[in-house]
């Protein structure tokens, strides 16, 4: 998740704001804990995070390296 968030140039605060906008608020501290493996995720959280990062839930689960195109980074 950290790699995706940083590739999209989002801070934890900005990602938290996106999650709030889509109706699944997670505080920046909660997001930090998720990124550091200190907090688990519900399926609803996973789906919301995927939507906020504009990826599929599978991309958050699969540890395969992420390849971004220039178009993805610019968006």
N, C-alpha and C. Protein backbone atom coordinates (compact mmCIF):
# COMPACT_ATOMS: atom_id res chain seq x y z
N UNK A 1 0.82 -1.19 0.00
CA UNK A 1 0.00 0.00 0.00
C UNK A 1 0.87 1.26 0.00
N UNK A 2 1.94 1.23 0.76
CA UNK A 2 2.81 2.40 0.83
C UNK A 2 3.35 2.75 -0.54
N UNK A 3 3.78 1.74 -1.28
CA UNK A 3 4.33 1.97 -2.61
C UNK A 3 3.29 2.61 -3.53
N UNK A 4 2.08 2.11 -3.49
CA UNK A 4 1.01 2.68 -4.32
C UNK A 4 0.71 4.12 -3.91
N UNK A 5 0.62 4.34 -2.61
CA UNK A 5 0.30 5.68 -2.11
C UNK A 5 1.37 6.68 -2.53
N UNK A 6 2.62 6.30 -2.34
CA UNK A 6 3.72 7.21 -2.69
C UNK A 6 3.83 7.42 -4.20
N UNK A 7 3.55 6.38 -4.97
CA UNK A 7 3.58 6.51 -6.43
C UNK A 7 2.54 7.51 -6.91
N UNK A 8 1.47 7.63 -6.15
CA UNK A 8 0.41 8.59 -6.49
C UNK A 8 0.61 9.93 -5.79
N UNK A 9 1.75 10.05 -5.13
CA UNK A 9 2.13 11.27 -4.43
C UNK A 9 1.06 11.73 -3.43
N UNK A 10 0.57 10.76 -2.68
CA UNK A 10 -0.43 11.04 -1.66
C UNK A 10 0.20 10.92 -0.28
N UNK A 11 -0.10 11.86 0.58
CA UNK A 11 0.29 11.74 1.98
C UNK A 11 -0.75 10.88 2.68
N UNK A 12 -0.44 10.48 3.89
CA UNK A 12 -1.42 9.73 4.68
C UNK A 12 -2.67 10.58 4.92
N UNK A 13 -2.48 11.86 5.11
CA UNK A 13 -3.62 12.77 5.33
C UNK A 13 -4.50 12.81 4.07
N UNK A 14 -3.88 12.93 2.91
CA UNK A 14 -4.65 12.99 1.67
C UNK A 14 -5.40 11.68 1.41
N UNK A 15 -4.75 10.56 1.68
CA UNK A 15 -5.43 9.27 1.51
C UNK A 15 -6.58 9.15 2.49
N UNK A 16 -6.37 9.59 3.71
CA UNK A 16 -7.43 9.59 4.71
C UNK A 16 -8.62 10.43 4.24
N UNK A 17 -8.34 11.57 3.66
CA UNK A 17 -9.41 12.44 3.14
C UNK A 17 -10.18 11.75 2.02
N UNK A 18 -9.47 11.06 1.14
CA UNK A 18 -10.15 10.33 0.06
C UNK A 18 -11.07 9.25 0.63
N UNK A 19 -10.58 8.55 1.63
CA UNK A 19 -11.40 7.50 2.25
C UNK A 19 -12.64 8.09 2.91
N UNK A 20 -12.50 9.24 3.53
CA UNK A 20 -13.64 9.90 4.15
C UNK A 20 -14.66 10.29 3.09
N UNK A 21 -14.18 10.79 1.96
CA UNK A 21 -15.07 11.19 0.87
C UNK A 21 -15.87 10.02 0.32
N UNK A 22 -15.29 8.82 0.32
CA UNK A 22 -16.03 7.67 -0.21
C UNK A 22 -16.79 6.92 0.88
N UNK A 23 -16.78 7.47 2.09
CA UNK A 23 -17.62 6.92 3.15
C UNK A 23 -17.00 5.87 4.03
N UNK A 24 -15.69 5.73 3.99
CA UNK A 24 -15.01 4.74 4.83
C UNK A 24 -13.80 5.41 5.49
N UNK A 25 -14.06 6.31 6.45
CA UNK A 25 -12.95 7.07 7.04
C UNK A 25 -11.98 6.20 7.83
N UNK A 26 -10.71 6.44 7.57
CA UNK A 26 -9.62 5.85 8.37
C UNK A 26 -8.66 7.00 8.64
N UNK A 27 -8.37 7.24 9.90
CA UNK A 27 -7.47 8.33 10.26
C UNK A 27 -6.06 8.07 9.73
N UNK A 28 -5.28 9.12 9.52
CA UNK A 28 -3.89 8.93 9.07
C UNK A 28 -3.09 8.01 9.99
N UNK A 29 -3.34 8.08 11.29
CA UNK A 29 -2.62 7.19 12.21
C UNK A 29 -3.00 5.73 11.96
N UNK A 30 -4.26 5.50 11.63
CA UNK A 30 -4.71 4.15 11.30
C UNK A 30 -4.07 3.65 10.02
N UNK A 31 -3.96 4.53 9.03
CA UNK A 31 -3.32 4.17 7.77
C UNK A 31 -1.84 3.84 7.98
N UNK A 32 -1.19 4.61 8.83
CA UNK A 32 0.21 4.34 9.15
C UNK A 32 0.36 2.96 9.78
N UNK A 33 -0.54 2.62 10.68
CA UNK A 33 -0.49 1.31 11.32
C UNK A 33 -0.73 0.19 10.31
N UNK A 34 -1.62 0.42 9.36
CA UNK A 34 -1.86 -0.57 8.31
C UNK A 34 -0.59 -0.76 7.49
N UNK A 35 0.04 0.35 7.10
CA UNK A 35 1.25 0.27 6.29
C UNK A 35 2.39 -0.44 7.02
N UNK A 36 2.42 -0.33 8.33
CA UNK A 36 3.49 -0.96 9.11
C UNK A 36 3.10 -2.34 9.66
N UNK A 37 1.95 -2.84 9.24
CA UNK A 37 1.52 -4.16 9.67
C UNK A 37 1.06 -4.24 11.11
N UNK A 38 0.72 -3.10 11.68
CA UNK A 38 0.30 -3.05 13.08
C UNK A 38 -1.22 -3.06 13.24
N UNK A 39 -1.93 -3.02 12.13
CA UNK A 39 -3.39 -3.04 12.15
C UNK A 39 -3.88 -3.86 10.96
N UNK A 40 -4.87 -4.68 11.21
CA UNK A 40 -5.45 -5.47 10.14
C UNK A 40 -6.48 -4.68 9.35
N UNK A 41 -6.98 -5.31 8.31
CA UNK A 41 -7.98 -4.68 7.44
C UNK A 41 -9.21 -5.55 7.34
N UNK A 42 -10.36 -4.93 7.36
CA UNK A 42 -11.58 -5.65 7.03
C UNK A 42 -11.70 -5.66 5.50
N UNK A 43 -12.58 -6.48 5.00
CA UNK A 43 -12.81 -6.51 3.55
C UNK A 43 -13.30 -5.14 3.09
N UNK A 44 -14.17 -4.51 3.88
CA UNK A 44 -14.68 -3.19 3.52
C UNK A 44 -13.55 -2.16 3.45
N UNK A 45 -12.62 -2.22 4.41
CA UNK A 45 -11.47 -1.31 4.39
C UNK A 45 -10.62 -1.55 3.14
N UNK A 46 -10.39 -2.81 2.82
CA UNK A 46 -9.59 -3.17 1.66
C UNK A 46 -10.21 -2.62 0.38
N UNK A 47 -11.50 -2.80 0.23
CA UNK A 47 -12.20 -2.31 -0.97
C UNK A 47 -12.14 -0.79 -1.04
N UNK A 48 -12.32 -0.12 0.10
CA UNK A 48 -12.27 1.34 0.13
C UNK A 48 -10.87 1.84 -0.19
N UNK A 49 -9.86 1.22 0.37
CA UNK A 49 -8.48 1.62 0.08
C UNK A 49 -8.17 1.44 -1.40
N UNK A 50 -8.62 0.34 -1.96
CA UNK A 50 -8.39 0.10 -3.39
C UNK A 50 -9.05 1.20 -4.22
N UNK A 51 -10.28 1.56 -3.87
CA UNK A 51 -10.98 2.62 -4.60
C UNK A 51 -10.25 3.95 -4.44
N UNK A 52 -9.81 4.25 -3.24
CA UNK A 52 -9.12 5.52 -2.98
C UNK A 52 -7.79 5.60 -3.72
N UNK A 53 -7.15 4.45 -3.93
CA UNK A 53 -5.87 4.42 -4.64
C UNK A 53 -6.04 4.11 -6.13
N UNK A 54 -7.29 3.91 -6.55
CA UNK A 54 -7.61 3.63 -7.95
C UNK A 54 -6.92 2.36 -8.46
N UNK A 55 -7.02 1.30 -7.65
CA UNK A 55 -6.50 0.00 -8.03
C UNK A 55 -7.53 -1.06 -7.64
N UNK A 56 -7.29 -2.28 -8.05
CA UNK A 56 -8.17 -3.37 -7.63
C UNK A 56 -7.75 -3.84 -6.24
N UNK A 57 -8.67 -4.43 -5.49
CA UNK A 57 -8.28 -4.98 -4.19
C UNK A 57 -7.16 -6.02 -4.31
N UNK A 58 -7.15 -6.76 -5.41
CA UNK A 58 -6.10 -7.76 -5.62
C UNK A 58 -4.72 -7.12 -5.66
N UNK A 59 -4.62 -5.92 -6.21
CA UNK A 59 -3.33 -5.24 -6.27
C UNK A 59 -2.81 -4.87 -4.89
N UNK A 60 -3.70 -4.68 -3.94
CA UNK A 60 -3.27 -4.39 -2.57
C UNK A 60 -2.83 -5.66 -1.86
N UNK A 61 -3.40 -6.78 -2.25
CA UNK A 61 -3.08 -8.06 -1.61
C UNK A 61 -1.83 -8.69 -2.20
N UNK A 62 -1.69 -8.61 -3.52
CA UNK A 62 -0.58 -9.25 -4.23
C UNK A 62 0.71 -8.46 -4.03
N UNK A 63 1.74 -9.10 -3.49
CA UNK A 63 2.99 -8.39 -3.24
C UNK A 63 3.85 -8.18 -4.49
N UNK A 64 3.35 -8.53 -5.66
CA UNK A 64 4.13 -8.37 -6.89
C UNK A 64 4.50 -6.91 -7.08
N UNK A 65 5.66 -6.66 -7.66
CA UNK A 65 6.06 -5.26 -7.91
C UNK A 65 5.03 -4.54 -8.76
N UNK A 66 4.89 -3.27 -8.51
CA UNK A 66 3.92 -2.45 -9.22
C UNK A 66 4.63 -1.66 -10.30
N UNK A 67 4.13 -1.75 -11.50
CA UNK A 67 4.68 -0.99 -12.60
C UNK A 67 3.69 0.11 -12.95
N UNK A 68 4.15 1.33 -12.90
CA UNK A 68 3.28 2.46 -13.22
C UNK A 68 3.71 3.09 -14.53
N UNK A 69 2.73 3.52 -15.29
CA UNK A 69 3.03 4.26 -16.50
C UNK A 69 3.07 5.73 -16.16
N UNK A 70 3.59 6.51 -17.05
CA UNK A 70 3.63 7.96 -16.84
C UNK A 70 2.22 8.49 -16.66
N UNK A 71 1.26 7.97 -17.40
CA UNK A 71 -0.13 8.42 -17.28
C UNK A 71 -0.68 8.17 -15.88
N UNK A 72 -0.35 7.03 -15.28
CA UNK A 72 -0.84 6.71 -13.94
C UNK A 72 -0.30 7.69 -12.92
N UNK A 73 0.97 8.02 -13.01
CA UNK A 73 1.59 8.93 -12.05
C UNK A 73 1.04 10.34 -12.20
N UNK A 74 0.78 10.77 -13.42
CA UNK A 74 0.28 12.12 -13.67
C UNK A 74 -1.13 12.29 -13.14
N UNK A 75 -1.95 11.27 -13.22
CA UNK A 75 -3.33 11.37 -12.76
C UNK A 75 -3.33 11.66 -11.30
